[in-house]
Amino acid sequence: MKLFLASMFTLGILFLMFFSFVLFLFSLYGMIDVFLVIFLTGILFFLYWLLSPYFTDLVLGIFHKLKWIDLKKLKEMDPELANFLLEVCKKNSIKIPKLGFIEDDNPTAFCYGSAAFNARIVFTQGLFRYLESDERKAVIAHEIGHIVHRDFIIMTLAAFLLTLLYNISRSLMKWKGEKKKNIGVLAGIIAYVFYLIGNYIVLFLSRLREYYADEFSAKLVGSDALARALLKVAYGILAKPDTEAETSLMNATRPLGLVDPKGIKSMGLAYANGKLSGNEEPLLRAFLFDLHNPWAFWIELNSTHPLIAKRIKRLDEIGTITSFNFQRIKRIKIDKKKLYAGFAKDVLINILPFISSGIIAFIFIFIVTRYFSISTLPAALFSIAMFLFYLFFLVMGISLILKAFYRYPKKQLAKTNILELLGDVYASPVKGRYVELRGKIIGRGIPGLIIGEDMMLQDPTGLIFLNYEGLIPGLGNLIFAVRRVNKLIGKDVKVRGWFLRGATPRIELDEIVVMKEGRRIKSYVRFWAIGIGVIFFMFLLFTLPIFL
C-alpha cells in the first residue's frame, strides 16, 4: 500500500505538470497540432509498452547472445533457486517469467516486459560465480518484486508523461502562428523546465521502486542475503576484465539491473578491501560517506538506483543483518558542522566560473541601461562588447586557477593508508587531500583495457584507483598506457597525489616512485588544471593587440 501511494503521488505530480499545460492550451486557439502531438505520442507509447519486450529480446539475442532456458535447465544449474522461483510465483499468483541466460561474468540480473503476463527475468553466469544460492534467491526475489509491483507499467507511464512534456515544449517553441505567438513560446519554455524537473522525479520514482523490490526480497529470503548479494555484485562488476560486449550489456541494462554499475565502484572497493584485510572495518567505514556526506546525495540524484549503503541501511531496518555489524556505524560521531561547511566551500568553488559569467552579464546590462540611450547605443556597442569579452576571459582565467589550487593543494602532505582514506566521511570530489601511499600496483584501473592509463594500487589495508595525466593530454596518456603501465604492474611503489571521493574514490597522481629502482614518474594532473586558466590569459594577451 505504501508503494502504491508513493507511486500515485509521484505520477500525480507529473500528471499535474502535464495537464496544467493542457488547460493552458485550451485558453489559446489554433493549437490543434499540439493535441495531435499528444495523441500520436500516446499511440506510440502504447505500442512501445506492448512490443518493447520483443524488441529487447531481439537486441539481447543479437548483441549479447541471450539464450532462453526452461525451469528444468535452471534446476540443473541451481535446484534450490528453481524451486524457490516456482514457489514465489505461485504464492503471488503470477505466471513464471520467461527465463533468459547470458554467459557474462559480470554478476547481474534484470527483468523487463509489459506486465506480469509477458515478463522476462534475465541473469548472467556471474551470479553463479560470485554469489551463493541464498544470495541468488535474494536477487531473483528482487526482480520478481518488480513484476508483482507492476513497475513496468508505472515507469512506462512516467516516461510517457515526460515525453509528452518534451514534445509539447518543442511544438510550442517552434509555433509559427501569428496570434499569441509569444505566449506559446513562453509556455514552451516553461514546459521544457517542467520536463527537466520531471526527469528527476522519474529518477526518484525509480529509486523508490528499488527500495520496495528490496523489501519484497528481504521478506522472502532475509535482509542478510540481499545485503551480501548487493556487495558481491558490486565487487564482481569491479573485479573482472570487461570485454566491449560486457561493458555494453551493463550500460544497456543500467535502469533494469540490480545495481547502477556507474555508482558502485566505491562499494566494490570497500568489499574487496574487507576481503583483503579479513575484517569488516573497511566496509563499515566506506558506508559513512554514502550515508552522511552531502556529496553522496548529488551522486545519487542522477542515478536510477539508491546508493548501496542506503539500501543496506533500509534492509537493516527491515530485518537482521548478521554478515557485518551495520549497527556500529550508527555509533560513530560525525561533525555535521564541519561536513556541511566543507560542502558549502566546495559548491562555491565549483560554481565560481559561472558566478563570474553572471557578473559579466550584470555589468553589461548595467552599462548599457545606465550610460547609453537608444540613439547612441549602436556606435558604442562594439566597444562595450570587446571590453566585456576581455573582462570575461580575465575573470574566467582567475576563477579556473583558483579552482585548480583549491582542488590540488600542495601543503600538508599526509602519509596514510587506503583504509583511512576510504573511511574519511569528510572527503570531497572537489577538494583534494594531498597524500602519500606505499603499496604495489596490481593492475589496470579497468582490467584488460590496454589503452587505459589508470591503475590499481594495493597496500596492506585495501585497494584504490590511480589516475595518471600525461604532459600531452590524450596522446601522453595513450603512450603511458601502452608502453609503461605493464612494466609497473607488480612493482612496489610510493605514490603522491590528491585523494578525491566521488562515485569512484581515486588518487589523482602527482608522482610515482618505483621503490627498488628509485625511478620517478611525473603526472601532470595539477599542471593542466592550472594550465587551462593560464590559457585564458594567453588568449587575452595574444588577441589584445588586434583590437587596440
Protein backbone atom coordinates (compact mmCIF):
# COMPACT_ATOMS: atom_id res chain seq x y z
CA MET A 1 0.00 0.00 0.00
CA LYS A 2 2.86 2.41 0.83
CA LEU A 3 4.50 1.76 -2.55
CA PHE A 4 1.16 2.24 -4.34
CA LEU A 5 0.52 5.56 -2.60
CA ALA A 6 4.08 6.77 -3.23
CA SER A 7 3.87 5.82 -6.92
CA MET A 8 0.49 7.52 -7.31
CA PHE A 9 1.81 10.66 -5.58
CA THR A 10 4.86 10.81 -7.89
CA LEU A 11 2.83 10.13 -11.02
CA GLY A 12 0.30 12.68 -9.77
CA ILE A 13 2.95 15.39 -9.83
CA LEU A 14 3.81 14.50 -13.44
CA PHE A 15 0.10 14.45 -14.38
CA LEU A 16 -0.37 17.84 -12.71
CA MET A 17 2.57 19.30 -14.65
CA PHE A 18 1.24 17.89 -17.90
CA PHE A 19 -2.48 18.70 -17.56
CA SER A 20 -1.75 22.22 -16.32
CA PHE A 21 -0.43 22.79 -19.82
CA VAL A 22 -3.41 21.09 -21.42
CA LEU A 23 -5.70 23.54 -19.59
CA PHE A 24 -3.47 26.44 -20.59
CA LEU A 25 -3.58 25.38 -24.23
CA PHE A 26 -7.39 25.28 -24.13
CA SER A 27 -7.26 29.01 -23.34
CA LEU A 28 -5.44 29.60 -26.62
CA TYR A 29 -6.71 28.79 -30.10
CA GLY A 30 -5.22 27.37 -33.23
CA MET A 31 -3.44 24.65 -31.22
CA ILE A 32 -4.78 21.54 -32.95
CA ASP A 33 -1.27 20.45 -33.95
CA VAL A 34 -0.20 20.26 -30.29
CA PHE A 35 -3.12 17.99 -29.40
CA LEU A 36 -2.28 15.88 -32.41
CA VAL A 37 1.22 15.51 -30.95
CA ILE A 38 -0.33 14.36 -27.66
CA PHE A 39 -2.50 11.79 -29.44
CA LEU A 40 0.33 10.42 -31.59
CA THR A 41 2.67 10.24 -28.58
CA GLY A 42 0.03 8.25 -26.70
CA ILE A 43 -0.33 5.77 -29.58
CA LEU A 44 3.44 5.36 -29.91
CA PHE A 45 3.88 4.75 -26.20
CA PHE A 46 1.10 2.18 -26.13
CA LEU A 47 2.84 0.29 -28.94
CA TYR A 48 6.17 0.73 -27.17
CA TRP A 49 4.75 -0.65 -23.92
CA LEU A 50 3.21 -3.64 -25.69
CA LEU A 51 6.02 -4.52 -28.13
CA SER A 52 9.22 -3.36 -26.40
CA PRO A 53 9.85 -6.72 -24.64
CA TYR A 54 10.09 -8.44 -28.05
CA PHE A 55 12.48 -5.80 -29.41
CA THR A 56 14.57 -6.14 -26.24
CA ASP A 57 14.66 -9.92 -26.77
CA LEU A 58 15.96 -9.33 -30.29
CA VAL A 59 18.67 -6.86 -29.22
CA LEU A 60 19.90 -9.04 -26.35
CA GLY A 61 19.93 -12.07 -28.62
CA ILE A 62 21.94 -10.38 -31.37
CA PHE A 63 24.43 -8.39 -29.30
CA HIS A 64 24.72 -10.40 -26.07
CA LYS A 65 23.86 -13.97 -27.15
CA LEU A 66 20.84 -14.27 -24.89
CA LYS A 67 19.63 -17.87 -24.51
CA TRP A 68 16.20 -18.87 -23.27
CA ILE A 69 16.10 -21.66 -20.71
CA ASP A 70 13.26 -23.55 -19.05
CA LEU A 71 12.70 -24.40 -15.39
CA LYS A 72 14.27 -27.82 -15.92
CA LYS A 73 17.54 -26.24 -17.10
CA LEU A 74 17.50 -23.84 -14.14
CA LYS A 75 17.11 -26.83 -11.81
CA GLU A 76 20.32 -28.28 -13.27
CA MET A 77 22.12 -25.00 -12.52
CA ASP A 78 20.63 -24.41 -9.05
CA PRO A 79 17.80 -26.72 -7.84
CA GLU A 80 17.00 -24.55 -4.80
CA LEU A 81 16.69 -21.43 -6.95
CA ALA A 82 14.32 -23.16 -9.41
CA ASN A 83 12.07 -24.44 -6.62
CA PHE A 84 12.12 -21.00 -4.97
CA LEU A 85 11.08 -19.29 -8.21
CA LEU A 86 8.21 -21.72 -8.71
CA GLU A 87 7.00 -21.24 -5.12
CA VAL A 88 7.14 -17.43 -5.16
CA CYS A 89 5.30 -17.12 -8.47
CA LYS A 90 2.57 -19.48 -7.25
CA LYS A 91 2.24 -17.60 -3.94
CA ASN A 92 1.85 -14.25 -5.75
CA SER A 93 -0.46 -15.65 -8.46
CA ILE A 94 1.76 -14.67 -11.38
CA LYS A 95 2.93 -16.61 -14.38
CA ILE A 96 6.51 -17.93 -14.20
CA PRO A 97 8.55 -15.35 -16.11
CA LYS A 98 10.38 -16.32 -19.27
CA LEU A 99 13.95 -17.09 -18.20
CA GLY A 100 16.98 -15.76 -20.06
CA PHE A 101 20.67 -16.59 -19.54
CA ILE A 102 23.74 -14.66 -20.76
CA GLU A 103 27.26 -16.08 -20.47
CA ASP A 104 28.76 -12.94 -18.96
CA ASP A 105 30.89 -12.93 -15.81
CA ASN A 106 29.51 -9.57 -14.66
CA PRO A 107 27.09 -10.66 -11.91
CA THR A 108 23.72 -9.12 -12.69
CA ALA A 109 20.06 -9.87 -13.22
CA PHE A 110 17.25 -7.77 -14.63
CA CYS A 111 13.63 -8.05 -15.65
CA TYR A 112 11.51 -6.41 -18.32
CA GLY A 113 8.15 -6.83 -20.02
CA SER A 114 4.79 -5.13 -20.48
CA ALA A 115 3.30 -6.64 -17.32
CA ALA A 116 3.26 -9.94 -15.43
CA PHE A 117 1.73 -11.77 -18.44
CA ASN A 118 4.90 -11.45 -20.57
CA ALA A 119 7.61 -10.67 -18.00
CA ARG A 120 11.17 -11.89 -18.51
CA ILE A 121 13.95 -12.37 -15.96
CA VAL A 122 17.47 -12.47 -17.39
CA PHE A 123 20.54 -13.41 -15.34
CA THR A 124 24.22 -13.89 -16.10
CA GLN A 125 26.86 -16.52 -15.44
CA GLY A 126 28.44 -14.08 -12.98
CA LEU A 127 25.65 -14.70 -10.46
CA PHE A 128 26.79 -18.32 -10.21
CA ARG A 129 30.45 -17.35 -9.96
CA TYR A 130 30.24 -14.74 -7.20
CA LEU A 131 27.00 -15.48 -5.28
CA GLU A 132 25.84 -18.32 -3.04
CA SER A 133 22.44 -19.98 -3.56
CA ASP A 134 20.57 -17.91 -0.93
CA GLU A 135 22.07 -14.72 -2.40
CA ARG A 136 20.89 -15.72 -5.88
CA LYS A 137 17.43 -16.28 -4.41
CA ALA A 138 17.50 -12.77 -2.97
CA VAL A 139 18.42 -11.31 -6.37
CA ILE A 140 15.68 -13.21 -8.21
CA ALA A 141 13.17 -12.28 -5.49
CA HIS A 142 14.10 -8.61 -6.02
CA GLU A 143 13.33 -8.96 -9.74
CA ILE A 144 10.03 -10.75 -9.03
CA GLY A 145 9.21 -7.84 -6.71
CA HIS A 146 9.36 -5.51 -9.73
CA ILE A 147 6.90 -7.77 -11.57
CA VAL A 148 4.50 -8.07 -8.63
CA HIS A 149 4.56 -4.29 -8.07
CA ARG A 150 3.75 -3.64 -11.78
CA ASP A 151 6.84 -1.48 -12.15
CA PHE A 152 6.90 -1.91 -15.95
CA ILE A 153 3.57 -0.14 -16.29
CA ILE A 154 4.33 2.62 -13.77
CA MET A 155 7.73 3.51 -15.25
CA THR A 156 6.43 3.40 -18.83
CA LEU A 157 3.59 5.73 -17.86
CA ALA A 158 6.04 8.11 -16.17
CA ALA A 159 8.26 8.10 -19.28
CA PHE A 160 5.17 8.75 -21.42
CA LEU A 161 4.28 11.87 -19.41
CA LEU A 162 7.87 13.13 -19.68
CA THR A 163 7.87 12.61 -23.44
CA LEU A 164 4.59 14.49 -23.75
CA LEU A 165 6.05 17.46 -21.87
CA TYR A 166 9.10 17.42 -24.13
CA ASN A 167 7.09 17.17 -27.36
CA ILE A 168 4.69 19.92 -26.25
CA SER A 169 7.59 22.21 -25.34
CA ARG A 170 9.23 21.67 -28.74
CA SER A 171 5.95 22.26 -30.59
CA LEU A 172 5.19 25.46 -28.70
CA MET A 173 8.68 26.92 -29.07
CA LYS A 174 8.51 26.33 -32.85
CA TRP A 175 4.93 27.55 -33.17
CA LYS A 176 4.60 29.88 -36.17
CA GLY A 177 1.06 31.10 -35.60
CA GLU A 178 0.65 34.85 -35.82
CA LYS A 179 -1.70 35.20 -32.85
CA LYS A 180 -0.42 34.80 -29.32
CA LYS A 181 2.93 33.54 -30.63
CA ASN A 182 4.89 35.00 -27.70
CA ILE A 183 2.59 33.32 -25.17
CA GLY A 184 3.07 29.99 -26.94
CA VAL A 185 6.87 30.30 -26.92
CA LEU A 186 6.85 31.24 -23.23
CA ALA A 187 4.61 28.26 -22.47
CA GLY A 188 7.03 26.04 -24.39
CA ILE A 189 9.95 27.23 -22.30
CA ILE A 190 8.03 26.58 -19.08
CA ALA A 191 7.04 23.12 -20.35
CA TYR A 192 10.70 22.36 -21.03
CA VAL A 193 11.59 23.42 -17.47
CA PHE A 194 8.87 21.07 -16.22
CA TYR A 195 10.36 18.35 -18.42
CA LEU A 196 13.80 18.83 -16.82
CA ILE A 197 12.30 18.72 -13.32
CA GLY A 198 10.24 15.69 -14.35
CA ASN A 199 13.39 13.77 -15.23
CA TYR A 200 14.50 13.97 -11.60
CA ILE A 201 11.01 12.99 -10.42
CA VAL A 202 11.16 9.86 -12.59
CA LEU A 203 14.64 9.01 -11.26
CA PHE A 204 13.26 9.42 -7.73
CA LEU A 205 10.38 7.08 -8.60
CA SER A 206 12.86 4.53 -9.98
CA ARG A 207 14.92 4.64 -6.77
CA LEU A 208 11.77 4.35 -4.67
CA ARG A 209 10.68 1.22 -6.52
CA GLU A 210 14.12 -0.32 -5.99
CA TYR A 211 13.66 0.09 -2.24
CA TYR A 212 10.32 -1.72 -2.38
CA ALA A 213 11.71 -4.51 -4.55
CA ASP A 214 14.44 -4.88 -1.90
CA GLU A 215 11.77 -5.08 0.79
CA PHE A 216 9.89 -7.76 -1.18
CA SER A 217 13.10 -9.80 -1.40
CA ALA A 218 14.04 -9.29 2.26
CA LYS A 219 10.67 -10.56 3.45
CA LEU A 220 11.09 -13.74 1.41
CA VAL A 221 14.80 -14.53 1.80
CA GLY A 222 16.01 -12.23 4.57
CA SER A 223 17.84 -8.92 4.69
CA ASP A 224 21.26 -10.51 5.17
CA ALA A 225 21.18 -12.48 1.91
CA LEU A 226 20.28 -9.44 -0.21
CA ALA A 227 22.81 -7.19 1.58
CA ARG A 228 25.56 -9.71 0.81
CA ALA A 229 24.32 -10.06 -2.76
CA LEU A 230 24.44 -6.29 -3.37
CA LEU A 231 28.03 -6.07 -2.13
CA LYS A 232 29.17 -9.14 -4.08
CA VAL A 233 27.55 -7.85 -7.27
CA ALA A 234 29.41 -4.53 -6.80
CA TYR A 235 32.65 -6.43 -6.20
CA GLY A 236 32.11 -8.76 -9.17
CA ILE A 237 31.48 -5.91 -11.60
CA LEU A 238 34.61 -4.14 -10.33
CA ALA A 239 36.90 -7.18 -10.18
CA LYS A 240 36.83 -8.75 -13.62
CA PRO A 241 38.21 -7.75 -17.04
CA ASP A 242 35.43 -6.47 -19.29
CA THR A 243 35.10 -7.04 -23.00
CA GLU A 244 33.38 -4.39 -25.09
CA ALA A 245 30.24 -6.56 -25.26
CA GLU A 246 30.16 -6.98 -21.47
CA THR A 247 30.55 -3.25 -20.88
CA SER A 248 27.78 -2.64 -23.40
CA LEU A 249 25.48 -5.08 -21.56
CA MET A 250 25.99 -3.30 -18.21
CA ASN A 251 25.35 0.13 -19.73
CA ALA A 252 22.35 -1.01 -21.79
CA THR A 253 20.64 -2.63 -18.79
CA ARG A 254 21.59 0.10 -16.29
CA PRO A 255 17.97 1.13 -15.46
CA LEU A 256 16.86 -2.52 -15.31
CA GLY A 257 19.60 -4.21 -13.29
CA LEU A 258 20.05 -4.91 -9.60
CA VAL A 259 22.51 -2.01 -9.21
CA ASP A 260 23.66 1.03 -11.17
CA PRO A 261 27.12 -0.02 -12.50
CA LYS A 262 28.25 3.62 -12.67
CA GLY A 263 27.77 4.27 -8.96
CA ILE A 264 29.03 1.11 -7.24
CA LYS A 265 32.81 1.25 -7.53
CA SER A 266 33.27 2.63 -4.03
CA MET A 267 31.29 -0.26 -2.52
CA GLY A 268 33.10 -2.74 -4.75
CA LEU A 269 36.40 -1.40 -3.45
CA ALA A 270 35.14 -1.49 0.15
CA TYR A 271 34.09 -5.13 -0.16
CA ALA A 272 37.42 -6.04 -1.80
CA ASN A 273 39.30 -4.24 0.98
CA GLY A 274 37.31 -6.15 3.60
CA LYS A 275 38.21 -9.46 1.94
CA LEU A 276 41.85 -8.35 1.76
CA SER A 277 42.16 -7.28 5.39
CA GLY A 278 39.95 -10.05 6.78
CA ASN A 279 37.72 -7.70 8.78
CA GLU A 280 34.63 -5.58 8.28
CA GLU A 281 36.22 -2.22 9.15
CA PRO A 282 36.85 -1.06 5.53
CA LEU A 283 33.25 -1.82 4.63
CA LEU A 284 31.71 -0.03 7.61
CA ARG A 285 33.96 2.99 7.13
CA ALA A 286 33.02 3.21 3.44
CA PHE A 287 29.31 3.28 4.37
CA LEU A 288 29.85 6.57 6.25
CA PHE A 289 30.40 8.63 3.12
CA ASP A 290 27.28 7.36 1.35
CA LEU A 291 25.12 7.81 4.45
CA HIS A 292 26.31 11.21 5.70
CA ASN A 293 28.28 13.21 3.13
CA PRO A 294 26.16 15.80 1.22
CA TRP A 295 28.01 14.94 -1.99
CA ALA A 296 26.55 11.42 -1.80
CA PHE A 297 23.10 13.00 -2.24
CA TRP A 298 24.20 14.64 -5.50
CA ILE A 299 25.81 11.42 -6.73
CA GLU A 300 22.55 9.57 -6.11
CA LEU A 301 20.36 12.32 -7.59
CA ASN A 302 21.24 11.33 -11.18
CA SER A 303 21.10 7.58 -10.53
CA THR A 304 18.34 5.10 -11.31
CA HIS A 305 19.22 3.18 -8.10
CA PRO A 306 19.79 4.25 -4.49
CA LEU A 307 23.35 4.07 -3.16
CA ILE A 308 24.13 0.59 -1.87
CA ALA A 309 24.84 1.84 1.67
CA LYS A 310 21.38 3.42 1.83
CA ARG A 311 19.77 0.22 0.54
CA ILE A 312 21.58 -1.81 3.19
CA LYS A 313 20.56 0.69 5.86
CA ARG A 314 16.91 0.13 4.91
CA LEU A 315 17.43 -3.64 4.81
CA ASP A 316 18.84 -3.39 8.32
CA GLU A 317 15.62 -1.65 9.41
CA ILE A 318 13.51 -4.41 7.82
CA GLY A 319 15.42 -7.43 9.17
CA THR A 320 18.62 -8.62 10.81
CA ILE A 321 21.98 -8.38 9.02
CA THR A 322 24.45 -10.83 10.51
CA SER A 323 27.32 -10.79 7.99
CA PHE A 324 28.62 -7.48 9.36
CA ASN A 325 27.72 -5.25 12.28
CA PHE A 326 25.87 -2.46 10.49
CA GLN A 327 24.69 -1.07 13.84
CA ARG A 328 28.25 0.04 14.62
CA ILE A 329 28.20 2.89 12.13
CA LYS A 330 25.27 4.48 13.97
CA ARG A 331 27.55 5.00 16.96
CA ILE A 332 30.30 6.82 15.03
CA LYS A 333 30.26 10.57 15.78
CA ILE A 334 30.03 12.88 12.76
CA ASP A 335 30.83 16.61 12.93
CA LYS A 336 27.90 17.87 10.85
CA LYS A 337 29.09 21.50 11.03
CA LYS A 338 32.47 20.57 9.53
CA LEU A 339 30.80 18.35 6.93
CA TYR A 340 28.40 20.99 5.63
CA ALA A 341 30.90 23.86 5.86
CA GLY A 342 33.26 21.91 3.61
CA PHE A 343 30.41 21.11 1.23
CA ALA A 344 29.42 24.78 1.00
CA LYS A 345 33.01 25.79 0.13
CA ASP A 346 33.19 23.03 -2.48
CA VAL A 347 29.98 24.21 -4.15
CA LEU A 348 31.13 27.84 -4.14
CA ILE A 349 34.47 26.98 -5.77
CA ASN A 350 32.76 24.69 -8.27
CA ILE A 351 30.35 27.37 -9.48
CA LEU A 352 32.86 30.23 -9.33
CA PRO A 353 33.31 30.37 -13.14
CA PHE A 354 29.53 30.56 -13.60
CA ILE A 355 29.23 33.28 -10.96
CA SER A 356 31.94 35.18 -12.84
CA SER A 357 29.97 34.91 -16.09
CA GLY A 358 26.88 36.22 -14.30
CA ILE A 359 28.83 39.22 -13.02
CA ILE A 360 29.95 39.99 -16.57
CA ALA A 361 26.35 39.84 -17.81
CA PHE A 362 25.24 42.15 -14.98
CA ILE A 363 27.98 44.67 -15.83
CA PHE A 364 26.94 44.62 -19.49
CA ILE A 365 23.28 45.29 -18.68
CA PHE A 366 24.18 47.99 -16.15
CA ILE A 367 26.48 49.87 -18.55
CA VAL A 368 24.02 49.73 -21.44
CA THR A 369 21.00 50.85 -19.41
CA ARG A 370 22.82 53.46 -17.30
CA TYR A 371 25.07 55.30 -19.74
CA PHE A 372 23.61 54.90 -23.24
CA SER A 373 20.48 55.99 -24.97
CA ILE A 374 18.88 54.19 -27.90
CA SER A 375 20.38 56.69 -30.35
CA THR A 376 24.00 56.38 -29.12
CA LEU A 377 23.96 52.63 -28.37
CA PRO A 378 24.80 51.22 -31.87
CA ALA A 379 28.04 53.20 -32.18
CA ALA A 380 29.27 52.20 -28.72
CA LEU A 381 28.05 48.61 -28.77
CA PHE A 382 31.23 47.16 -30.34
CA SER A 383 33.50 48.84 -27.76
CA ILE A 384 31.31 47.64 -24.88
CA ALA A 385 31.23 44.09 -26.27
CA MET A 386 35.03 43.97 -26.67
CA PHE A 387 35.58 45.29 -23.15
CA LEU A 388 33.27 42.64 -21.71
CA PHE A 389 34.85 39.96 -23.90
CA TYR A 390 38.28 40.62 -22.39
CA LEU A 391 36.85 41.01 -18.92
CA PHE A 392 35.18 37.60 -19.31
CA PHE A 393 38.47 35.89 -20.21
CA LEU A 394 40.26 37.65 -17.36
CA VAL A 395 37.68 36.63 -14.74
CA MET A 396 37.35 33.08 -16.08
CA GLY A 397 41.13 32.64 -16.04
CA ILE A 398 41.33 33.79 -12.41
CA SER A 399 38.37 31.56 -11.43
CA LEU A 400 39.83 28.43 -13.03
CA ILE A 401 43.26 28.98 -11.47
CA LEU A 402 41.72 29.49 -8.02
CA LYS A 403 39.66 26.32 -8.52
CA ALA A 404 42.81 24.37 -9.51
CA PHE A 405 44.74 25.49 -6.40
CA TYR A 406 41.73 24.61 -4.23
CA ARG A 407 41.37 21.18 -5.82
CA TYR A 408 45.06 20.29 -5.77
CA PRO A 409 46.73 21.84 -2.68
CA LYS A 410 50.43 21.05 -2.22
CA LYS A 411 50.67 21.72 1.52
CA GLN A 412 50.23 19.30 4.43
CA LEU A 413 51.32 16.06 2.78
CA ALA A 414 49.78 13.19 4.81
CA LYS A 415 51.41 9.75 4.89
CA THR A 416 48.41 7.47 5.20
CA ASN A 417 46.78 4.24 4.02
CA ILE A 418 43.80 3.29 1.88
CA LEU A 419 41.59 2.22 4.77
CA GLU A 420 41.91 5.62 6.42
CA LEU A 421 41.14 7.43 3.14
CA LEU A 422 38.03 5.40 2.28
CA GLY A 423 36.77 5.89 5.84
CA ASP A 424 37.05 9.68 5.62
CA VAL A 425 33.46 10.90 5.77
CA TYR A 426 34.64 14.48 5.10
CA ALA A 427 36.23 13.58 1.75
CA SER A 428 35.18 15.52 -1.33
CA PRO A 429 35.06 15.18 -5.14
CA VAL A 430 36.09 18.87 -5.42
CA LYS A 431 38.82 19.50 -2.80
CA GLY A 432 41.66 17.01 -2.93
CA ARG A 433 43.68 15.83 0.05
CA TYR A 434 47.43 15.63 -0.67
CA VAL A 435 48.59 12.19 0.45
CA GLU A 436 51.43 9.68 0.18
CA LEU A 437 50.75 5.93 -0.06
CA ARG A 438 53.08 2.93 -0.26
CA GLY A 439 51.96 -0.27 -1.93
CA LYS A 440 52.04 -2.36 -5.08
CA ILE A 441 50.49 -1.66 -8.48
CA ILE A 442 48.46 -4.80 -9.14
CA GLY A 443 46.77 -3.98 -12.45
CA ARG A 444 44.98 -1.51 -14.65
CA GLY A 445 42.07 0.59 -13.44
CA ILE A 446 39.86 -1.16 -16.00
CA PRO A 447 41.15 -4.73 -16.22
CA GLY A 448 42.02 -5.76 -19.74
CA LEU A 449 41.81 -2.25 -21.26
CA ILE A 450 45.30 -1.80 -22.75
CA ILE A 451 44.66 1.83 -23.73
CA GLY A 452 43.61 2.76 -20.18
CA GLU A 453 46.24 4.76 -18.27
CA ASP A 454 44.59 4.36 -14.85
CA MET A 455 45.97 1.76 -12.42
CA MET A 456 45.01 -0.07 -9.24
CA LEU A 457 47.16 0.26 -6.10
CA GLN A 458 47.10 -2.21 -3.22
CA ASP A 459 48.52 -1.58 0.24
CA PRO A 460 48.11 -3.77 3.38
CA THR A 461 44.72 -2.18 4.08
CA GLY A 462 42.99 -2.17 0.69
CA LEU A 463 42.73 -1.14 -2.98
CA ILE A 464 42.31 2.21 -4.72
CA PHE A 465 42.37 3.65 -8.25
CA LEU A 466 45.25 5.81 -9.51
CA ASN A 467 44.59 8.42 -12.20
CA TYR A 468 47.55 9.49 -14.38
CA GLU A 469 47.68 12.52 -16.69
CA GLY A 470 50.41 12.92 -19.32
CA LEU A 471 52.24 16.09 -20.31
CA ILE A 472 50.42 15.97 -23.65
CA PRO A 473 46.71 15.31 -22.89
CA GLY A 474 45.27 12.31 -24.69
CA LEU A 475 48.39 11.28 -26.59
CA GLY A 476 50.57 11.26 -23.46
CA ASN A 477 48.01 9.12 -21.66
CA LEU A 478 47.83 6.66 -24.55
CA ILE A 479 51.63 6.30 -24.75
CA PHE A 480 51.85 5.78 -20.97
CA ALA A 481 49.05 3.18 -21.09
CA VAL A 482 50.58 1.16 -23.92
CA ARG A 483 54.29 1.40 -23.10
CA ARG A 484 54.63 1.84 -19.33
CA VAL A 485 51.67 0.50 -17.36
CA ASN A 486 52.50 -3.19 -17.91
CA LYS A 487 56.06 -2.55 -16.70
CA LEU A 488 54.72 -1.03 -13.48
CA ILE A 489 52.37 -3.90 -12.62
CA GLY A 490 53.79 -5.91 -9.74
CA LYS A 491 56.18 -3.12 -8.68
CA ASP A 492 56.41 -1.75 -5.13
CA VAL A 493 55.84 1.98 -5.35
CA LYS A 494 55.40 5.16 -3.38
CA VAL A 495 52.74 7.45 -4.82
CA ARG A 496 51.90 11.04 -4.10
CA GLY A 497 48.71 12.67 -5.22
CA TRP A 498 45.31 14.04 -4.30
CA PHE A 499 42.59 11.84 -2.85
CA LEU A 500 39.17 12.69 -4.28
CA ARG A 501 35.97 10.88 -3.30
CA GLY A 502 33.06 10.88 -5.72
CA ALA A 503 31.26 7.93 -7.28
CA THR A 504 34.74 6.41 -7.66
CA PRO A 505 37.35 7.05 -4.92
CA ARG A 506 40.72 7.71 -6.54
CA ILE A 507 44.17 9.27 -6.26
CA GLU A 508 44.87 11.97 -8.85
CA LEU A 509 48.59 11.36 -9.27
CA ASP A 510 51.38 13.87 -8.70
CA GLU A 511 54.22 11.33 -8.99
CA ILE A 512 55.06 7.63 -8.75
CA VAL A 513 58.36 6.45 -7.27
CA VAL A 514 59.37 2.87 -8.15
CA MET A 515 60.97 1.81 -4.86
CA LYS A 516 63.80 -0.57 -5.86
CA GLU A 517 64.77 1.42 -8.94
CA GLY A 518 64.38 4.92 -7.49
CA ARG A 519 62.72 5.90 -10.77
CA ARG A 520 60.25 8.79 -10.67
CA ILE A 521 57.28 9.16 -13.00
CA LYS A 522 55.66 12.58 -13.07
CA SER A 523 51.92 13.07 -13.58
CA TYR A 524 50.55 16.40 -14.80
CA VAL A 525 47.05 16.49 -13.28
CA ARG A 526 47.67 19.70 -11.36
CA PHE A 527 49.73 21.25 -14.17
CA TRP A 528 46.84 21.04 -16.63
CA ALA A 529 44.21 22.15 -14.10
CA ILE A 530 46.19 25.36 -13.63
CA GLY A 531 47.13 25.44 -17.31
CA ILE A 532 43.55 25.79 -18.52
CA GLY A 533 43.24 29.04 -16.56
CA VAL A 534 46.59 30.23 -17.92
CA ILE A 535 45.40 29.51 -21.48
CA PHE A 536 42.58 32.03 -20.95
CA PHE A 537 45.20 34.67 -20.02
CA MET A 538 47.41 33.76 -23.00
CA PHE A 539 44.47 34.09 -25.37
CA LEU A 540 43.80 37.51 -23.85
CA LEU A 541 47.45 38.53 -24.29
CA PHE A 542 47.77 37.43 -27.93
CA THR A 543 44.45 38.84 -29.17
CA LEU A 544 44.54 42.18 -27.36
CA PRO A 545 46.86 43.92 -29.91
CA ILE A 546 44.47 43.03 -32.74
CA PHE A 547 41.74 45.23 -31.31
CA LEU A 548 43.88 48.08 -29.98
